[in-house]
PDB file of N, CA and C in Angstrom:
ATOM      1  N   MET A   1      -2.320  12.533  15.016  1.00  0.00           N
ATOM      2  CA  MET A   1      -1.322  11.918  15.321  1.00  0.00           C
ATOM      3  C   MET A   1      -0.826  11.228  13.747  1.00  0.00           C
ATOM      4  N   ALA A   2       0.632  11.624  13.608  1.00  0.00           N
ATOM      5  CA  ALA A   2       1.198  11.349  11.898  1.00  0.00           C
ATOM      6  C   ALA A   2       1.655   9.893  12.050  1.00  0.00           C
ATOM      7  N   MET A   3       1.512   9.477  11.062  1.00  0.00           N
ATOM      8  CA  MET A   3       1.913   8.104  10.819  1.00  0.00           C
ATOM      9  C   MET A   3       3.446   8.097  10.328  1.00  0.00           C
ATOM     10  N   GLU A   4       4.419   7.007  11.130  1.00  0.00           N
ATOM     11  CA  GLU A   4       5.678   6.992  10.712  1.00  0.00           C
ATOM     12  C   GLU A   4       5.858   6.488   9.424  1.00  0.00           C
ATOM     13  N   LYS A   5       6.615   7.288   8.793  1.00  0.00           N
ATOM     14  CA  LYS A   5       7.034   7.236   7.313  1.00  0.00           C
ATOM     15  C   LYS A   5       8.096   5.859   7.348  1.00  0.00           C
ATOM     16  N   PRO A   6       7.538   4.962   6.443  1.00  0.00           N
ATOM     17  CA  PRO A   6       8.185   3.830   5.938  1.00  0.00           C
ATOM     18  C   PRO A   6       9.758   3.937   5.997  1.00  0.00           C
ATOM     19  N   VAL A   7      10.847   3.300   6.532  1.00  0.00           N
ATOM     20  CA  VAL A   7      12.198   3.426   6.223  1.00  0.00           C
ATOM     21  C   VAL A   7      12.628   2.480   5.600  1.00  0.00           C
ATOM     22  N   ILE A   8      13.269   2.717   4.721  1.00  0.00           N
ATOM     23  CA  ILE A   8      13.996   1.489   3.794  1.00  0.00           C
ATOM     24  C   ILE A   8      15.215   1.057   4.134  1.00  0.00           C
ATOM     25  N   PRO A   9      15.413   0.047   4.853  1.00  0.00           N
ATOM     26  CA  PRO A   9      16.874  -0.513   5.254  1.00  0.00           C
ATOM     27  C   PRO A   9      17.837  -0.144   4.282  1.00  0.00           C
ATOM     28  N   THR A  10      19.165   0.138   4.767  1.00  0.00           N
ATOM     29  CA  THR A  10      20.319  -0.123   4.125  1.00  0.00           C
ATOM     30  C   THR A  10      20.961  -1.388   3.600  1.00  0.00           C
ATOM     31  N   GLU A  11      21.563  -1.356   2.924  1.00  0.00           N
ATOM     32  CA  GLU A  11      22.444  -2.726   2.313  1.00  0.00           C
ATOM     33  C   GLU A  11      22.613  -3.497   3.548  1.00  0.00           C
ATOM     34  N   GLU A  12      23.412  -2.909   4.393  1.00  0.00           N
ATOM     35  CA  GLU A  12      23.937  -3.435   5.588  1.00  0.00           C
ATOM     36  C   GLU A  12      22.991  -3.999   6.668  1.00  0.00           C
ATOM     37  N   GLN A  13      22.181  -3.022   6.835  1.00  0.00           N
ATOM     38  CA  GLN A  13      20.656  -3.354   7.912  1.00  0.00           C
ATOM     39  C   GLN A  13      20.048  -4.499   7.115  1.00  0.00           C
ATOM     40  N   LEU A  14      19.866  -4.677   5.966  1.00  0.00           N
ATOM     41  CA  LEU A  14      19.051  -5.603   5.019  1.00  0.00           C
ATOM     42  C   LEU A  14      20.047  -7.081   5.092  1.00  0.00           C
ATOM     43  N   GLU A  15      21.295  -7.028   5.202  1.00  0.00           N
ATOM     44  CA  GLU A  15      22.207  -8.189   5.406  1.00  0.00           C
ATOM     45  C   GLU A  15      21.880  -8.766   6.798  1.00  0.00           C
ATOM     46  N   ILE A  16      21.995  -7.731   7.965  1.00  0.00           N
ATOM     47  CA  ILE A  16      21.525  -8.213   9.291  1.00  0.00           C
ATOM     48  C   ILE A  16      20.231  -8.871   9.226  1.00  0.00           C
ATOM     49  N   LEU A  17      19.365  -8.376   8.847  1.00  0.00           N
ATOM     50  CA  LEU A  17      17.832  -8.664   9.072  1.00  0.00           C
ATOM     51  C   LEU A  17      17.688  -9.934   8.269  1.00  0.00           C
ATOM     52  N   GLU A  18      18.198 -10.339   7.036  1.00  0.00           N
ATOM     53  CA  GLU A  18      18.100 -11.489   6.098  1.00  0.00           C
ATOM     54  C   GLU A  18      18.860 -12.465   7.013  1.00  0.00           C
ATOM     55  N   TYR A  19      20.132 -12.157   7.598  1.00  0.00           N
ATOM     56  CA  TYR A  19      20.824 -13.459   8.475  1.00  0.00           C
ATOM     57  C   TYR A  19      19.954 -13.863   9.593  1.00  0.00           C
ATOM     58  N   GLN A  20      19.504 -12.929  10.268  1.00  0.00           N
ATOM     59  CA  GLN A  20      18.785 -13.034  11.482  1.00  0.00           C
ATOM     60  C   GLN A  20      17.492 -13.908  11.159  1.00  0.00           C
ATOM     61  N   PHE A  21      16.662 -13.450  10.076  1.00  0.00           N
ATOM     62  CA  PHE A  21      15.505 -14.072   9.717  1.00  0.00           C
ATOM     63  C   PHE A  21      15.800 -15.919   8.883  1.00  0.00           C
ATOM     64  N   CYS A  22      16.966 -15.760   8.311  1.00  0.00           N
ATOM     65  CA  CYS A  22      16.944 -17.150   7.586  1.00  0.00           C
ATOM     66  C   CYS A  22      18.022 -18.162   8.449  1.00  0.00           C
ATOM     67  N   LYS A  23      18.996 -17.555   9.082  1.00  0.00           N
ATOM     68  CA  LYS A  23      19.743 -18.427   9.925  1.00  0.00           C
ATOM     69  C   LYS A  23      19.414 -18.471  11.556  1.00  0.00           C
ATOM     70  N   VAL A  24      18.587 -17.641  12.162  1.00  0.00           N
ATOM     71  CA  VAL A  24      18.493 -17.368  13.641  1.00  0.00           C
ATOM     72  C   VAL A  24      17.087 -17.886  13.730  1.00  0.00           C
ATOM     73  N   ASN A  25      16.204 -16.906  13.374  1.00  0.00           N
ATOM     74  CA  ASN A  25      14.744 -17.093  13.718  1.00  0.00           C
ATOM     75  C   ASN A  25      13.811 -16.532  13.075  1.00  0.00           C
ATOM     76  N   LYS A  26      12.815 -16.642  12.381  1.00  0.00           N
ATOM     77  CA  LYS A  26      11.867 -16.285  11.783  1.00  0.00           C
ATOM     78  C   LYS A  26      10.918 -15.475  12.651  1.00  0.00           C
ATOM     79  N   HIS A  27      10.716 -15.838  13.785  1.00  0.00           N
ATOM     80  CA  HIS A  27       9.603 -15.377  14.768  1.00  0.00           C
ATOM     81  C   HIS A  27      10.851 -14.914  16.063  1.00  0.00           C
ATOM     82  N   PRO A  28      11.220 -13.483  16.094  1.00  0.00           N
ATOM     83  CA  PRO A  28      12.033 -13.536  17.224  1.00  0.00           C
ATOM     84  C   PRO A  28      11.292 -12.974  18.223  1.00  0.00           C
ATOM     85  N   ASP A  29      11.777 -13.314  19.388  1.00  0.00           N
ATOM     86  CA  ASP A  29      11.132 -12.813  20.703  1.00  0.00           C
ATOM     87  C   ASP A  29      11.266 -11.324  20.916  1.00  0.00           C
ATOM     88  N   PRO A  30      10.570 -10.815  22.046  1.00  0.00           N
ATOM     89  CA  PRO A  30      11.013  -9.266  22.080  1.00  0.00           C
ATOM     90  C   PRO A  30      12.281  -9.155  22.519  1.00  0.00           C
ATOM     91  N   THR A  31      12.845  -9.826  23.048  1.00  0.00           N
ATOM     92  CA  THR A  31      14.476  -9.495  23.543  1.00  0.00           C
ATOM     93  C   THR A  31      15.244  -9.805  22.504  1.00  0.00           C
ATOM     94  N   MET A  32      15.322 -10.463  21.595  1.00  0.00           N
ATOM     95  CA  MET A  32      15.780 -10.795  20.343  1.00  0.00           C
ATOM     96  C   MET A  32      15.645  -9.724  19.590  1.00  0.00           C
ATOM     97  N   LEU A  33      14.197  -9.232  19.286  1.00  0.00           N
ATOM     98  CA  LEU A  33      13.825  -8.140  18.425  1.00  0.00           C
ATOM     99  C   LEU A  33      14.457  -6.672  18.881  1.00  0.00           C
ATOM    100  N   CYS A  34      14.760  -6.830  20.066  1.00  0.00           N
ATOM    101  CA  CYS A  34      15.315  -5.379  20.702  1.00  0.00           C
ATOM    102  C   CYS A  34      16.970  -5.511  20.456  1.00  0.00           C
ATOM    103  N   LEU A  35      17.618  -6.559  20.266  1.00  0.00           N
ATOM    104  CA  LEU A  35      18.870  -6.878  20.157  1.00  0.00           C
ATOM    105  C   LEU A  35      18.994  -6.484  18.579  1.00  0.00           C
ATOM    106  N   ILE A  36      18.216  -6.958  17.678  1.00  0.00           N
ATOM    107  CA  ILE A  36      18.304  -6.980  16.333  1.00  0.00           C
ATOM    108  C   ILE A  36      18.071  -5.357  15.886  1.00  0.00           C
ATOM    109  N   ALA A  37      16.907  -4.814  16.410  1.00  0.00           N
ATOM    110  CA  ALA A  37      17.110  -3.202  16.241  1.00  0.00           C
ATOM    111  C   ALA A  37      18.225  -2.510  16.490  1.00  0.00           C
ATOM    112  N   ALA A  38      19.036  -2.827  17.727  1.00  0.00           N
ATOM    113  CA  ALA A  38      19.946  -1.996  18.128  1.00  0.00           C
ATOM    114  C   ALA A  38      21.130  -2.371  17.434  1.00  0.00           C
ATOM    115  N   GLU A  39      20.980  -3.635  17.056  1.00  0.00           N
ATOM    116  CA  GLU A  39      22.484  -3.705  15.713  1.00  0.00           C
ATOM    117  C   GLU A  39      22.020  -3.135  14.553  1.00  0.00           C
ATOM    118  N   THR A  40      20.973  -3.081  13.952  1.00  0.00           N
ATOM    119  CA  THR A  40      20.890  -2.523  12.821  1.00  0.00           C
ATOM    120  C   THR A  40      20.516  -0.989  12.904  1.00  0.00           C
ATOM    121  N   GLY A  41      20.174  -0.521  14.228  1.00  0.00           N
ATOM    122  CA  GLY A  41      20.000   1.094  14.510  1.00  0.00           C
ATOM    123  C   GLY A  41      18.713   1.520  13.886  1.00  0.00           C
ATOM    124  N   LEU A  42      17.701   0.605  13.658  1.00  0.00           N
ATOM    125  CA  LEU A  42      16.168   0.644  13.321  1.00  0.00           C
ATOM    126  C   LEU A  42      15.455   0.658  14.835  1.00  0.00           C
ATOM    127  N   SER A  43      14.102   1.366  14.751  1.00  0.00           N
ATOM    128  CA  SER A  43      13.548   1.170  15.996  1.00  0.00           C
ATOM    129  C   SER A  43      12.931  -0.397  15.999  1.00  0.00           C
ATOM    130  N   GLU A  44      12.473  -0.577  17.215  1.00  0.00           N
ATOM    131  CA  GLU A  44      11.588  -2.012  17.483  1.00  0.00           C
ATOM    132  C   GLU A  44      10.809  -2.153  16.565  1.00  0.00           C
ATOM    133  N   GLU A  45       9.822  -1.154  16.438  1.00  0.00           N
ATOM    134  CA  GLU A  45       8.683  -1.260  15.451  1.00  0.00           C
ATOM    135  C   GLU A  45       9.071  -1.572  14.214  1.00  0.00           C
ATOM    136  N   GLN A  46       9.814  -0.718  13.821  1.00  0.00           N
ATOM    137  CA  GLN A  46      10.474  -1.003  12.255  1.00  0.00           C
ATOM    138  C   GLN A  46      11.095  -2.401  11.893  1.00  0.00           C
ATOM    139  N   THR A  47      11.760  -2.710  12.738  1.00  0.00           N
ATOM    140  CA  THR A  47      12.098  -4.111  12.808  1.00  0.00           C
ATOM    141  C   THR A  47      11.245  -5.132  13.136  1.00  0.00           C
ATOM    142  N   LEU A  48      10.353  -4.966  13.685  1.00  0.00           N
ATOM    143  CA  LEU A  48       8.984  -5.941  13.605  1.00  0.00           C
ATOM    144  C   LEU A  48       8.181  -5.771  12.572  1.00  0.00           C
ATOM    145  N   GLU A  49       8.178  -4.779  11.903  1.00  0.00           N
ATOM    146  CA  GLU A  49       7.334  -4.501  10.705  1.00  0.00           C
ATOM    147  C   GLU A  49       7.976  -5.146   9.710  1.00  0.00           C
ATOM    148  N   TRP A  50       9.370  -5.220   9.811  1.00  0.00           N
ATOM    149  CA  TRP A  50      10.258  -5.674   8.599  1.00  0.00           C
ATOM    150  C   TRP A  50      10.021  -7.186   8.814  1.00  0.00           C
ATOM    151  N   PHE A  51      10.172  -7.826   9.819  1.00  0.00           N
ATOM    152  CA  PHE A  51      10.050  -9.346   9.939  1.00  0.00           C
ATOM    153  C   PHE A  51       8.587  -9.886   9.671  1.00  0.00           C
ATOM    154  N   LYS A  52       7.593  -8.735  10.153  1.00  0.00           N
ATOM    155  CA  LYS A  52       6.114  -9.263   9.552  1.00  0.00           C
ATOM    156  C   LYS A  52       5.924  -9.458   7.956  1.00  0.00           C
ATOM    157  N   GLN A  53       6.832  -8.357   7.540  1.00  0.00           N
ATOM    158  CA  GLN A  53       6.465  -8.498   6.019  1.00  0.00           C
ATOM    159  C   GLN A  53       7.451  -9.447   5.242  1.00  0.00           C
ATOM    160  N   ARG A  54       8.590  -9.761   5.781  1.00  0.00           N
ATOM    161  CA  ARG A  54       9.443 -10.818   5.267  1.00  0.00           C
ATOM    162  C   ARG A  54       8.748 -12.147   5.619  1.00  0.00           C
ATOM    163  N   LEU A  55       8.194 -12.436   6.556  1.00  0.00           N
ATOM    164  CA  LEU A  55       7.534 -13.557   6.775  1.00  0.00           C
ATOM    165  C   LEU A  55       6.385 -13.762   6.020  1.00  0.00           C
ATOM    166  N   ALA A  56       5.551 -12.957   5.571  1.00  0.00           N
ATOM    167  CA  ALA A  56       4.394 -12.900   4.602  1.00  0.00           C
ATOM    168  C   ALA A  56       5.021 -13.376   3.293  1.00  0.00           C
ATOM    169  N   GLU A  57       6.168 -12.768   2.863  1.00  0.00           N
ATOM    170  CA  GLU A  57       6.816 -13.271   1.778  1.00  0.00           C
ATOM    171  C   GLU A  57       7.398 -14.489   1.577  1.00  0.00           C
ATOM    172  N   TRP A  58       8.029 -14.884   2.905  1.00  0.00           N
ATOM    173  CA  TRP A  58       8.325 -16.330   2.882  1.00  0.00           C
ATOM    174  C   TRP A  58       7.274 -17.314   2.718  1.00  0.00           C
ATOM    175  N   ARG A  59       6.262 -16.968   3.774  1.00  0.00           N
ATOM    176  CA  ARG A  59       5.362 -17.965   3.443  1.00  0.00           C
ATOM    177  C   ARG A  59       4.487 -17.991   1.991  1.00  0.00           C
ATOM    178  N   LYS A  60       4.475 -17.106   1.416  1.00  0.00           N
ATOM    179  CA  LYS A  60       3.921 -17.090   0.071  1.00  0.00           C
ATOM    180  C   LYS A  60       4.815 -17.739  -0.792  1.00  0.00           C
ATOM    181  N   SER A  61       6.033 -17.510  -0.768  1.00  0.00           N
ATOM    182  CA  SER A  61       7.175 -18.200  -1.761  1.00  0.00           C
ATOM    183  C   SER A  61       6.718 -19.798  -1.444  1.00  0.00           C
ATOM    184  N   GLU A  62       6.627 -20.122   0.108  1.00  0.00           N
ATOM    185  CA  GLU A  62       6.428 -21.827   0.360  1.00  0.00           C
ATOM    186  C   GLU A  62       5.201 -22.256  -0.018  1.00  0.00           C
ATOM    187  N   GLY A  63       4.309 -21.383  -0.463  1.00  0.00           N
ATOM    188  CA  GLY A  63       3.154 -22.220  -0.998  1.00  0.00           C
ATOM    189  C   GLY A  63       1.878 -21.860   0.219  1.00  0.00           C
ATOM    190  N   LEU A  64       2.210 -21.063   1.412  1.00  0.00           N
ATOM    191  CA  LEU A  64       1.351 -21.161   2.765  1.00  0.00           C
ATOM    192  C   LEU A  64       0.448 -19.735   2.680  1.00  0.00           C
ATOM    193  N   PRO A  65      -0.606 -19.750   3.333  1.00  0.00           N
ATOM    194  CA  PRO A  65      -1.056 -18.531   3.439  1.00  0.00           C
ATOM    195  C   PRO A  65      -0.199 -17.435   3.979  1.00  0.00           C
ATOM    196  N   SER A  66      -0.439 -16.300   3.849  1.00  0.00           N
ATOM    197  CA  SER A  66       0.476 -15.096   4.204  1.00  0.00           C
ATOM    198  C   SER A  66       0.545 -14.884   5.873  1.00  0.00           C
ATOM    199  N   GLU A  67      -0.473 -15.258   6.450  1.00  0.00           N
ATOM    200  CA  GLU A  67      -1.016 -15.209   7.809  1.00  0.00           C
ATOM    201  C   GLU A  67      -1.869 -16.071   8.090  1.00  0.00           C
ATOM    202  N   CYS A  68      -1.274 -17.041   9.014  1.00  0.00           N
ATOM    203  CA  CYS A  68      -1.687 -18.179   9.712  1.00  0.00           C
ATOM    204  C   CYS A  68      -1.421 -18.681  11.264  1.00  0.00           C
ATOM    205  N   GLY A  69      -1.957 -19.301  11.791  1.00  0.00           N
ATOM    206  CA  GLY A  69      -1.416 -19.933  13.127  1.00  0.00           C
ATOM    207  C   GLY A  69      -0.449 -20.948  12.876  1.00  0.00           C
ATOM    208  N   SER A  70      -0.459 -21.737  13.773  1.00  0.00           N
ATOM    209  CA  SER A  70       0.539 -22.743  13.960  1.00  0.00           C
ATOM    210  C   SER A  70       0.026 -24.022  13.069  1.00  0.00           C
ATOM    211  N   VAL A  71       0.725 -25.069  12.750  1.00  0.00           N
ATOM    212  CA  VAL A  71       0.134 -26.304  11.863  1.00  0.00           C
ATOM    213  C   VAL A  71      -0.689 -27.194  12.524  1.00  0.00           C
ATOM    214  N   ARG A  72      -0.837 -26.877  14.066  1.00  0.00           N
ATOM    215  CA  ARG A  72      -1.643 -27.499  14.830  1.00  0.00           C
ATOM    216  C   ARG A  72      -3.037 -26.993  14.880  1.00  0.00           C
ATOM    217  N   ASP A  73      -3.013 -25.585  14.383  1.00  0.00           N
ATOM    218  CA  ASP A  73      -4.469 -24.989  14.460  1.00  0.00           C
ATOM    219  C   ASP A  73      -5.783 -25.830  13.856  1.00  0.00           C
TER     220      ASP A  73
END
Protein backbone atom coordinates (compact mmCIF):
# COMPACT_ATOMS: atom_id res chain seq x y z
CA MET A 1 0.00 0.00 0.00
CA ALA A 2 1.59 3.26 -1.13
CA MET A 3 1.73 6.28 1.15
CA GLU A 4 -0.15 9.31 -0.13
CA LYS A 5 2.27 11.99 -1.26
CA PRO A 6 1.93 15.14 0.87
CA VAL A 7 0.10 17.89 -0.95
CA ILE A 8 1.27 21.47 -0.62
CA PRO A 9 -1.81 23.71 -0.58
CA THR A 10 -1.96 26.61 -3.02
CA GLU A 11 -2.08 30.21 -1.75
CA GLU A 12 -5.85 30.27 -2.19
CA GLN A 13 -6.27 26.99 -0.30
CA LEU A 14 -4.00 28.27 2.49
CA GLU A 15 -6.07 31.44 2.82
CA ILE A 16 -9.22 29.35 3.28
CA LEU A 17 -7.54 26.97 5.73
CA GLU A 18 -5.98 29.79 7.77
CA TYR A 19 -9.27 31.69 7.89
CA GLN A 20 -11.11 28.60 9.11
CA PHE A 21 -8.39 27.88 11.69
CA CYS A 22 -8.03 31.42 13.06
CA LYS A 23 -11.55 32.82 12.76
CA VAL A 24 -13.89 29.84 12.87
CA ASN A 25 -12.61 26.74 14.66
CA LYS A 26 -9.25 25.18 15.50
CA HIS A 27 -11.02 21.82 15.99
CA PRO A 28 -13.49 21.33 13.12
CA ASP A 29 -16.04 18.55 13.55
CA PRO A 30 -16.37 15.94 10.75
CA THR A 31 -19.13 17.91 9.00
CA MET A 32 -17.13 21.15 9.03
CA LEU A 33 -14.01 19.28 7.93
CA CYS A 34 -15.96 17.90 4.95
CA LEU A 35 -17.16 21.41 4.02
CA ILE A 36 -13.65 22.87 4.31
CA ALA A 37 -12.25 20.04 2.17
CA ALA A 38 -14.91 20.67 -0.47
CA GLU A 39 -14.20 24.41 -0.45
CA THR A 40 -10.44 23.93 -0.81
CA GLY A 41 -10.54 20.98 -3.21
CA LEU A 42 -8.38 18.93 -0.84
CA SER A 43 -9.37 15.51 0.49
CA GLU A 44 -10.78 15.25 4.00
CA GLU A 45 -7.63 13.38 5.03
CA GLN A 46 -5.38 16.14 3.67
CA THR A 47 -7.50 18.79 5.36
CA LEU A 48 -7.44 16.94 8.68
CA GLU A 49 -3.66 16.51 8.45
CA TRP A 50 -3.23 20.24 7.74
CA PHE A 51 -5.34 21.11 10.80
CA LYS A 52 -3.34 18.71 12.99
CA GLN A 53 -0.04 20.22 11.88
CA ARG A 54 -1.34 23.78 12.17
CA LEU A 55 -2.71 23.12 15.65
CA ALA A 56 0.66 21.73 16.75
CA GLU A 57 2.37 24.90 15.39
CA TRP A 58 -0.16 27.12 17.18
CA ARG A 59 0.22 25.26 20.47
CA LYS A 60 4.01 25.56 20.24
CA SER A 61 3.75 29.31 19.55
CA GLU A 62 1.52 29.63 22.63
CA GLY A 63 4.05 27.76 24.78
CA LEU A 64 1.81 24.70 25.10
CA PRO A 65 2.71 21.06 24.43
CA SER A 66 2.14 20.19 20.78
CA GLU A 67 -0.32 17.47 21.76
CA CYS A 68 -2.39 17.55 24.88
CA GLY A 69 -5.89 16.89 26.16
CA SER A 70 -8.13 19.58 27.50
CA VAL A 71 -7.11 21.92 30.30
CA ARG A 72 -9.32 19.84 32.59
CA ASP A 73 -7.10 16.71 32.20
